[in-house]
Structure formats: structure tokens, C-alpha cells
N, C-alpha and C. Protein backbone atom coordinates (compact mmCIF):
# COMPACT_ATOMS: atom_id res chain seq x y z
N MET A 1 0.86 -1.20 0.00
CA MET A 1 0.00 0.00 0.00
C MET A 1 0.89 1.24 0.00
N ASP A 2 0.58 2.22 -0.82
CA ASP A 2 1.40 3.42 -0.83
C ASP A 2 1.06 4.31 0.36
N LEU A 3 2.05 5.11 0.77
CA LEU A 3 1.91 5.93 1.97
C LEU A 3 0.75 6.91 1.87
N GLY A 4 0.54 7.50 0.69
CA GLY A 4 -0.57 8.44 0.50
C GLY A 4 -1.92 7.78 0.76
N ALA A 5 -2.09 6.58 0.26
CA ALA A 5 -3.35 5.86 0.46
C ALA A 5 -3.54 5.50 1.93
N LEU A 6 -2.45 5.12 2.60
CA LEU A 6 -2.53 4.81 4.03
C LEU A 6 -2.95 6.04 4.81
N TYR A 7 -2.32 7.18 4.53
CA TYR A 7 -2.67 8.42 5.23
C TYR A 7 -4.12 8.80 4.95
N GLU A 8 -4.55 8.65 3.70
CA GLU A 8 -5.93 8.97 3.35
C GLU A 8 -6.89 8.09 4.15
N GLU A 9 -6.55 6.82 4.31
CA GLU A 9 -7.40 5.90 5.08
C GLU A 9 -7.46 6.30 6.55
N VAL A 10 -6.36 6.75 7.11
CA VAL A 10 -6.34 7.21 8.51
C VAL A 10 -7.31 8.37 8.69
N ILE A 11 -7.27 9.33 7.78
CA ILE A 11 -8.16 10.49 7.85
C ILE A 11 -9.61 10.06 7.70
N LEU A 12 -9.89 9.19 6.74
CA LEU A 12 -11.27 8.73 6.53
C LEU A 12 -11.78 7.94 7.73
N ASP A 13 -10.93 7.15 8.35
CA ASP A 13 -11.32 6.38 9.53
C ASP A 13 -11.71 7.31 10.68
N HIS A 14 -10.92 8.33 10.93
CA HIS A 14 -11.23 9.29 12.01
C HIS A 14 -12.47 10.11 11.68
N ASN A 15 -12.74 10.34 10.41
CA ASN A 15 -13.96 11.04 10.03
C ASN A 15 -15.18 10.17 10.30
N ARG A 16 -15.10 8.90 9.91
CA ARG A 16 -16.22 7.97 10.11
C ARG A 16 -16.45 7.64 11.58
N SER A 17 -15.37 7.47 12.33
CA SER A 17 -15.45 7.06 13.73
C SER A 17 -14.57 7.98 14.59
N PRO A 18 -15.05 9.21 14.80
CA PRO A 18 -14.22 10.15 15.56
C PRO A 18 -13.98 9.67 17.00
N ARG A 19 -12.77 9.85 17.45
CA ARG A 19 -12.41 9.50 18.82
C ARG A 19 -12.67 10.71 19.71
N ASN A 20 -12.93 10.45 20.98
CA ASN A 20 -13.16 11.51 21.98
C ASN A 20 -14.32 12.42 21.60
N TRP A 21 -15.39 11.82 21.11
CA TRP A 21 -16.61 12.54 20.72
C TRP A 21 -17.44 12.78 21.97
N GLY A 22 -17.91 13.99 22.15
CA GLY A 22 -18.77 14.32 23.28
C GLY A 22 -18.27 15.56 23.99
N GLU A 23 -18.75 15.73 25.21
CA GLU A 23 -18.37 16.89 26.02
C GLU A 23 -17.71 16.42 27.31
N VAL A 24 -16.79 17.22 27.81
CA VAL A 24 -16.13 16.94 29.08
C VAL A 24 -16.95 17.61 30.17
N PRO A 25 -17.55 16.85 31.08
CA PRO A 25 -18.31 17.46 32.18
C PRO A 25 -17.41 18.38 33.00
N GLY A 26 -17.85 19.60 33.18
CA GLY A 26 -17.08 20.57 33.95
C GLY A 26 -15.87 21.12 33.24
N GLY A 27 -15.73 20.83 31.96
CA GLY A 27 -14.57 21.31 31.21
C GLY A 27 -14.78 22.71 30.68
N THR A 28 -13.71 23.29 30.21
CA THR A 28 -13.75 24.59 29.56
C THR A 28 -14.10 24.34 28.09
N SER A 29 -15.18 24.98 27.63
CA SER A 29 -15.63 24.76 26.25
C SER A 29 -15.43 25.99 25.39
N VAL A 30 -15.05 25.76 24.15
CA VAL A 30 -14.91 26.83 23.16
C VAL A 30 -15.50 26.34 21.85
N GLU A 31 -15.87 27.30 21.03
CA GLU A 31 -16.42 27.01 19.70
C GLU A 31 -15.37 27.34 18.65
N GLY A 32 -15.28 26.50 17.66
CA GLY A 32 -14.44 26.77 16.51
C GLY A 32 -15.31 26.79 15.27
N ARG A 33 -15.09 27.77 14.40
CA ARG A 33 -15.90 27.88 13.18
C ARG A 33 -15.02 28.24 11.99
N ASN A 34 -15.41 27.71 10.85
CA ASN A 34 -14.78 28.08 9.60
C ASN A 34 -15.86 28.73 8.74
N PRO A 35 -15.92 30.07 8.73
CA PRO A 35 -16.98 30.75 7.98
C PRO A 35 -16.93 30.52 6.48
N LEU A 36 -15.79 30.08 5.95
CA LEU A 36 -15.68 29.86 4.51
C LEU A 36 -16.49 28.66 4.05
N CYS A 37 -16.62 27.64 4.92
CA CYS A 37 -17.30 26.42 4.48
C CYS A 37 -18.41 25.97 5.44
N GLY A 38 -18.52 26.58 6.60
CA GLY A 38 -19.56 26.22 7.54
C GLY A 38 -19.17 25.17 8.57
N ASP A 39 -17.94 24.66 8.52
CA ASP A 39 -17.50 23.70 9.53
C ASP A 39 -17.56 24.36 10.91
N ARG A 40 -17.92 23.56 11.91
CA ARG A 40 -17.93 24.09 13.28
C ARG A 40 -17.68 22.94 14.25
N ILE A 41 -17.02 23.27 15.34
CA ILE A 41 -16.82 22.29 16.40
C ILE A 41 -17.03 22.97 17.75
N SER A 42 -17.33 22.16 18.72
CA SER A 42 -17.34 22.58 20.12
C SER A 42 -16.31 21.68 20.79
N LEU A 43 -15.31 22.29 21.40
CA LEU A 43 -14.23 21.55 22.03
C LEU A 43 -14.26 21.83 23.52
N SER A 44 -14.14 20.79 24.32
CA SER A 44 -14.09 20.99 25.77
C SER A 44 -12.86 20.28 26.34
N VAL A 45 -12.23 20.96 27.30
CA VAL A 45 -10.96 20.52 27.88
C VAL A 45 -11.04 20.62 29.39
N ARG A 46 -10.45 19.63 30.08
CA ARG A 46 -10.31 19.72 31.53
C ARG A 46 -8.85 19.47 31.86
N LEU A 47 -8.27 20.41 32.60
CA LEU A 47 -6.88 20.28 33.03
C LEU A 47 -6.82 19.73 34.44
N ASP A 48 -5.75 19.01 34.71
CA ASP A 48 -5.39 18.58 36.05
C ASP A 48 -4.01 19.17 36.28
N GLY A 49 -3.98 20.33 36.93
CA GLY A 49 -2.73 21.07 37.03
C GLY A 49 -2.38 21.59 35.65
N ASP A 50 -1.23 21.16 35.14
CA ASP A 50 -0.80 21.59 33.82
C ASP A 50 -0.95 20.47 32.78
N THR A 51 -1.67 19.42 33.14
CA THR A 51 -1.85 18.27 32.26
C THR A 51 -3.27 18.24 31.71
N ILE A 52 -3.39 17.92 30.44
CA ILE A 52 -4.70 17.81 29.81
C ILE A 52 -5.28 16.45 30.23
N ALA A 53 -6.20 16.50 31.20
CA ALA A 53 -6.79 15.28 31.75
C ALA A 53 -7.83 14.69 30.81
N ASP A 54 -8.59 15.56 30.15
CA ASP A 54 -9.61 15.08 29.21
C ASP A 54 -9.87 16.15 28.17
N VAL A 55 -10.18 15.72 26.98
CA VAL A 55 -10.51 16.62 25.87
C VAL A 55 -11.46 15.88 24.94
N ARG A 56 -12.52 16.56 24.55
CA ARG A 56 -13.53 15.96 23.67
C ARG A 56 -14.07 17.04 22.73
N PHE A 57 -14.76 16.58 21.68
CA PHE A 57 -15.33 17.54 20.74
C PHE A 57 -16.62 16.99 20.15
N THR A 58 -17.43 17.90 19.65
CA THR A 58 -18.60 17.59 18.83
C THR A 58 -18.60 18.60 17.70
N GLY A 59 -19.41 18.35 16.69
CA GLY A 59 -19.52 19.33 15.61
C GLY A 59 -19.85 18.69 14.28
N GLU A 60 -19.83 19.54 13.29
CA GLU A 60 -20.12 19.13 11.92
C GLU A 60 -19.10 19.76 11.00
N GLY A 61 -18.72 19.00 9.99
CA GLY A 61 -17.78 19.56 9.04
C GLY A 61 -17.28 18.51 8.07
N CYS A 62 -16.31 18.90 7.31
CA CYS A 62 -15.73 18.02 6.30
C CYS A 62 -14.86 16.96 6.97
N ALA A 63 -14.44 16.00 6.17
CA ALA A 63 -13.61 14.90 6.67
C ALA A 63 -12.32 15.42 7.29
N ILE A 64 -11.73 16.43 6.69
CA ILE A 64 -10.46 16.94 7.21
C ILE A 64 -10.64 17.60 8.57
N SER A 65 -11.67 18.42 8.73
CA SER A 65 -11.85 19.10 10.02
C SER A 65 -12.21 18.11 11.13
N LYS A 66 -13.06 17.14 10.82
CA LYS A 66 -13.47 16.16 11.85
C LYS A 66 -12.30 15.24 12.20
N ALA A 67 -11.59 14.75 11.20
CA ALA A 67 -10.45 13.87 11.45
C ALA A 67 -9.35 14.61 12.21
N SER A 68 -9.11 15.85 11.86
CA SER A 68 -8.09 16.63 12.55
C SER A 68 -8.44 16.80 14.03
N ALA A 69 -9.71 17.11 14.32
CA ALA A 69 -10.14 17.26 15.70
C ALA A 69 -10.00 15.94 16.45
N SER A 70 -10.40 14.85 15.83
CA SER A 70 -10.31 13.53 16.46
C SER A 70 -8.87 13.17 16.77
N MET A 71 -8.00 13.33 15.79
CA MET A 71 -6.60 12.97 15.97
C MET A 71 -5.90 13.91 16.93
N MET A 72 -6.29 15.18 16.93
CA MET A 72 -5.71 16.13 17.88
C MET A 72 -6.04 15.73 19.31
N THR A 73 -7.32 15.36 19.56
CA THR A 73 -7.69 15.00 20.93
C THR A 73 -6.88 13.79 21.41
N GLN A 74 -6.65 12.84 20.52
CA GLN A 74 -5.82 11.69 20.89
C GLN A 74 -4.39 12.11 21.18
N ALA A 75 -3.88 13.03 20.38
CA ALA A 75 -2.47 13.44 20.51
C ALA A 75 -2.20 14.24 21.77
N ILE A 76 -3.17 15.05 22.22
CA ILE A 76 -2.89 15.94 23.35
C ILE A 76 -3.37 15.41 24.70
N LYS A 77 -4.27 14.44 24.72
CA LYS A 77 -4.77 13.92 25.99
C LYS A 77 -3.61 13.31 26.78
N GLY A 78 -3.48 13.76 28.04
CA GLY A 78 -2.40 13.29 28.90
C GLY A 78 -1.11 14.08 28.79
N LYS A 79 -1.07 15.01 27.83
CA LYS A 79 0.12 15.84 27.63
C LYS A 79 0.03 17.10 28.50
N THR A 80 1.17 17.72 28.74
CA THR A 80 1.18 19.02 29.41
C THR A 80 0.73 20.08 28.41
N THR A 81 0.37 21.23 28.92
CA THR A 81 -0.04 22.31 28.01
C THR A 81 1.13 22.73 27.12
N ALA A 82 2.36 22.68 27.65
CA ALA A 82 3.54 23.03 26.82
C ALA A 82 3.73 22.00 25.70
N GLU A 83 3.51 20.72 26.00
CA GLU A 83 3.63 19.70 24.96
C GLU A 83 2.54 19.88 23.90
N ALA A 84 1.33 20.24 24.33
CA ALA A 84 0.24 20.49 23.38
C ALA A 84 0.56 21.69 22.50
N GLU A 85 1.15 22.74 23.07
CA GLU A 85 1.55 23.91 22.29
C GLU A 85 2.61 23.53 21.26
N ALA A 86 3.56 22.68 21.65
CA ALA A 86 4.61 22.24 20.72
C ALA A 86 3.99 21.42 19.57
N LEU A 87 3.00 20.58 19.89
CA LEU A 87 2.31 19.84 18.84
C LEU A 87 1.56 20.78 17.91
N PHE A 88 0.92 21.82 18.49
CA PHE A 88 0.23 22.82 17.66
C PHE A 88 1.21 23.42 16.66
N THR A 89 2.36 23.85 17.13
CA THR A 89 3.35 24.49 16.26
C THR A 89 3.80 23.55 15.15
N GLY A 90 4.11 22.31 15.52
CA GLY A 90 4.55 21.34 14.51
C GLY A 90 3.47 21.05 13.49
N PHE A 91 2.23 20.89 13.97
CA PHE A 91 1.12 20.60 13.06
C PHE A 91 0.84 21.80 12.16
N HIS A 92 0.82 22.99 12.73
CA HIS A 92 0.57 24.21 11.95
C HIS A 92 1.63 24.37 10.86
N ASP A 93 2.89 24.16 11.22
CA ASP A 93 3.97 24.26 10.23
C ASP A 93 3.79 23.22 9.12
N LEU A 94 3.36 22.02 9.50
CA LEU A 94 3.15 20.95 8.53
C LEU A 94 2.07 21.31 7.51
N VAL A 95 0.90 21.74 7.99
CA VAL A 95 -0.23 21.95 7.08
C VAL A 95 -0.17 23.28 6.33
N THR A 96 0.64 24.22 6.82
CA THR A 96 0.78 25.49 6.11
C THR A 96 1.97 25.48 5.16
N GLY A 97 2.73 24.38 5.16
CA GLY A 97 3.87 24.28 4.27
C GLY A 97 5.12 24.94 4.80
N GLN A 98 5.09 25.44 6.03
CA GLN A 98 6.26 26.10 6.60
C GLN A 98 7.37 25.11 6.90
N ALA A 99 7.01 23.82 6.97
CA ALA A 99 8.01 22.78 7.21
C ALA A 99 8.48 22.16 5.89
N ALA A 100 8.11 22.78 4.77
CA ALA A 100 8.46 22.24 3.45
C ALA A 100 9.97 22.09 3.32
N GLY A 101 10.36 21.00 2.70
CA GLY A 101 11.77 20.76 2.47
C GLY A 101 12.41 19.96 3.59
N SER A 102 11.73 19.84 4.71
CA SER A 102 12.26 19.01 5.79
C SER A 102 11.26 17.89 6.07
N PRO A 103 11.75 16.77 6.54
CA PRO A 103 10.81 15.67 6.80
C PRO A 103 9.85 16.05 7.93
N PRO A 104 8.60 15.57 7.87
CA PRO A 104 7.65 15.88 8.93
C PRO A 104 8.17 15.43 10.28
N ASP A 105 7.93 16.24 11.29
CA ASP A 105 8.35 15.98 12.66
C ASP A 105 7.79 14.63 13.14
N LYS A 106 8.68 13.74 13.53
CA LYS A 106 8.24 12.41 13.99
C LYS A 106 7.36 12.51 15.23
N ALA A 107 7.49 13.57 16.01
CA ALA A 107 6.66 13.76 17.21
C ALA A 107 5.18 13.87 16.84
N LEU A 108 4.90 14.24 15.60
CA LEU A 108 3.51 14.36 15.16
C LEU A 108 2.84 13.01 14.97
N GLY A 109 3.62 11.96 14.83
CA GLY A 109 3.04 10.63 14.67
C GLY A 109 2.07 10.58 13.49
N SER A 110 0.88 10.02 13.74
CA SER A 110 -0.10 9.86 12.66
C SER A 110 -0.64 11.19 12.14
N LEU A 111 -0.41 12.28 12.86
CA LEU A 111 -0.84 13.60 12.38
C LEU A 111 -0.12 13.99 11.09
N ARG A 112 0.99 13.31 10.80
CA ARG A 112 1.70 13.57 9.54
C ARG A 112 0.84 13.25 8.33
N ALA A 113 -0.27 12.55 8.55
CA ALA A 113 -1.20 12.25 7.46
C ALA A 113 -1.75 13.52 6.81
N PHE A 114 -1.67 14.63 7.52
CA PHE A 114 -2.21 15.90 7.01
C PHE A 114 -1.19 16.71 6.21
N ALA A 115 -0.02 16.16 5.95
CA ALA A 115 1.02 16.90 5.21
C ALA A 115 0.53 17.40 3.86
N GLY A 116 -0.31 16.63 3.18
CA GLY A 116 -0.81 17.01 1.87
C GLY A 116 -1.72 18.22 1.88
N VAL A 117 -2.24 18.59 3.03
CA VAL A 117 -3.13 19.75 3.13
C VAL A 117 -2.42 21.02 2.67
N ALA A 118 -1.12 21.08 2.87
CA ALA A 118 -0.36 22.28 2.48
C ALA A 118 -0.51 22.60 1.00
N ARG A 119 -0.81 21.59 0.18
CA ARG A 119 -0.99 21.83 -1.27
C ARG A 119 -2.36 22.45 -1.59
N PHE A 120 -3.24 22.51 -0.60
CA PHE A 120 -4.60 23.03 -0.80
C PHE A 120 -4.89 24.12 0.23
N PRO A 121 -4.46 25.35 -0.04
CA PRO A 121 -4.59 26.42 0.95
C PRO A 121 -6.00 26.62 1.52
N THR A 122 -7.02 26.32 0.73
CA THR A 122 -8.38 26.50 1.24
C THR A 122 -8.73 25.46 2.30
N ARG A 123 -7.96 24.38 2.39
CA ARG A 123 -8.22 23.32 3.37
C ARG A 123 -7.44 23.50 4.66
N VAL A 124 -6.49 24.42 4.68
CA VAL A 124 -5.68 24.63 5.89
C VAL A 124 -6.56 25.02 7.07
N LYS A 125 -7.52 25.89 6.84
CA LYS A 125 -8.42 26.32 7.92
C LYS A 125 -9.20 25.12 8.46
N CYS A 126 -9.60 24.20 7.59
CA CYS A 126 -10.32 22.99 8.03
C CYS A 126 -9.44 22.17 8.97
N ALA A 127 -8.18 22.01 8.58
CA ALA A 127 -7.26 21.18 9.37
C ALA A 127 -6.87 21.83 10.69
N THR A 128 -6.80 23.16 10.73
CA THR A 128 -6.30 23.84 11.93
C THR A 128 -7.40 24.36 12.86
N MET A 129 -8.65 24.31 12.45
CA MET A 129 -9.74 24.88 13.25
C MET A 129 -9.74 24.32 14.67
N ALA A 130 -9.70 23.01 14.83
CA ALA A 130 -9.74 22.39 16.16
C ALA A 130 -8.50 22.76 16.97
N TRP A 131 -7.39 22.90 16.29
CA TRP A 131 -6.14 23.24 16.98
C TRP A 131 -6.20 24.66 17.55
N HIS A 132 -6.76 25.59 16.80
CA HIS A 132 -6.92 26.95 17.32
C HIS A 132 -7.90 26.96 18.49
N ALA A 133 -8.96 26.14 18.39
CA ALA A 133 -9.91 26.04 19.50
C ALA A 133 -9.22 25.47 20.74
N MET A 134 -8.34 24.50 20.55
CA MET A 134 -7.59 23.91 21.66
C MET A 134 -6.75 24.96 22.35
N ARG A 135 -6.06 25.78 21.59
CA ARG A 135 -5.23 26.84 22.20
C ARG A 135 -6.09 27.80 23.01
N GLU A 136 -7.25 28.16 22.46
CA GLU A 136 -8.15 29.06 23.17
C GLU A 136 -8.67 28.40 24.45
N ALA A 137 -9.02 27.13 24.39
CA ALA A 137 -9.53 26.43 25.56
C ALA A 137 -8.46 26.32 26.65
N LEU A 138 -7.22 26.05 26.24
CA LEU A 138 -6.14 25.98 27.22
C LEU A 138 -5.90 27.34 27.87
N GLU A 139 -5.95 28.38 27.06
CA GLU A 139 -5.77 29.75 27.60
C GLU A 139 -6.86 30.07 28.61
N ARG A 140 -8.10 29.77 28.28
CA ARG A 140 -9.21 30.04 29.19
C ARG A 140 -9.12 29.19 30.47
N SER A 141 -8.62 27.97 30.34
CA SER A 141 -8.50 27.07 31.49
C SER A 141 -7.46 27.56 32.49
N ARG A 142 -6.47 28.27 31.99
CA ARG A 142 -5.38 28.73 32.87
C ARG A 142 -5.74 30.01 33.61
N VAL A 143 -6.82 30.66 33.21
CA VAL A 143 -7.17 31.95 33.83
C VAL A 143 -7.76 31.74 35.19
């Protein structure tokens, strides 16, 4: 199986069966929206000190936005807020093409499946919407 097809299957699987679907009771909730296409998510996060104890989402959108939110929640759950910020930076660089010319950061793991998004600028917002919501939720949680 070629790597592109494998990555495409990972994204489709997370779209069909999103992980961490729902709301975190007592968590900090934020809304993410993409006005260009109508995608929207509600993301909720609960911290235990500086560690992301739980994170979940609900919403509607394209395969890329839903899969990105699903895979993000898996990637950041149990991580410190600093580790989540580092993942945000690596993922953002990957999908915006800022990491072009260098191999995708191995720390991103299966999130590297989104590398092809950089070739489609209109899809970058879909891929990063949940990540921006995560940053906002973490900021609100620390206040």
C-alpha cells in the first residue's frame, strides 16, 4: 500500500469514527468555526494542574476538520499544556507548508497524514480549526 493511500485511510477512519466525541463534564468549552465552508466544532478541555486530563469535541464539518479534531484529541490527551503547544506548532507548520523541504516531525506521529493539506490552501483552515480552538480552551482554562 502506498503511503498516501494509508494516510488517506487514517483520515477517513477518524472522520467515520471520531475519537473523543462528546463533552467533558465541567470542562472549559470553546467554539471553533470556519466561515468559509460552515465547519464548526465545540471543544471541551479539563486540566489537572498543567496536564490535559480530558478533551472531547462535537460538531459538523468536512472529513479533514473532523479527522483533525479527532486525531488532535488523541495526541494531546495526557500531555502538558507546553507539549500540546509544541504539537500545535509542529502541526501548523506541517499543514501550512512552513516545514516544506524538511521531513515531517516524527513527534507528530499519525498527524503527519495531514502533510498534503499544504498543497490546498483553502483546506488549511479545516485542518487547523480544532487546533486553534484547543489553544483558546487551554488559555481560558489557565485563567
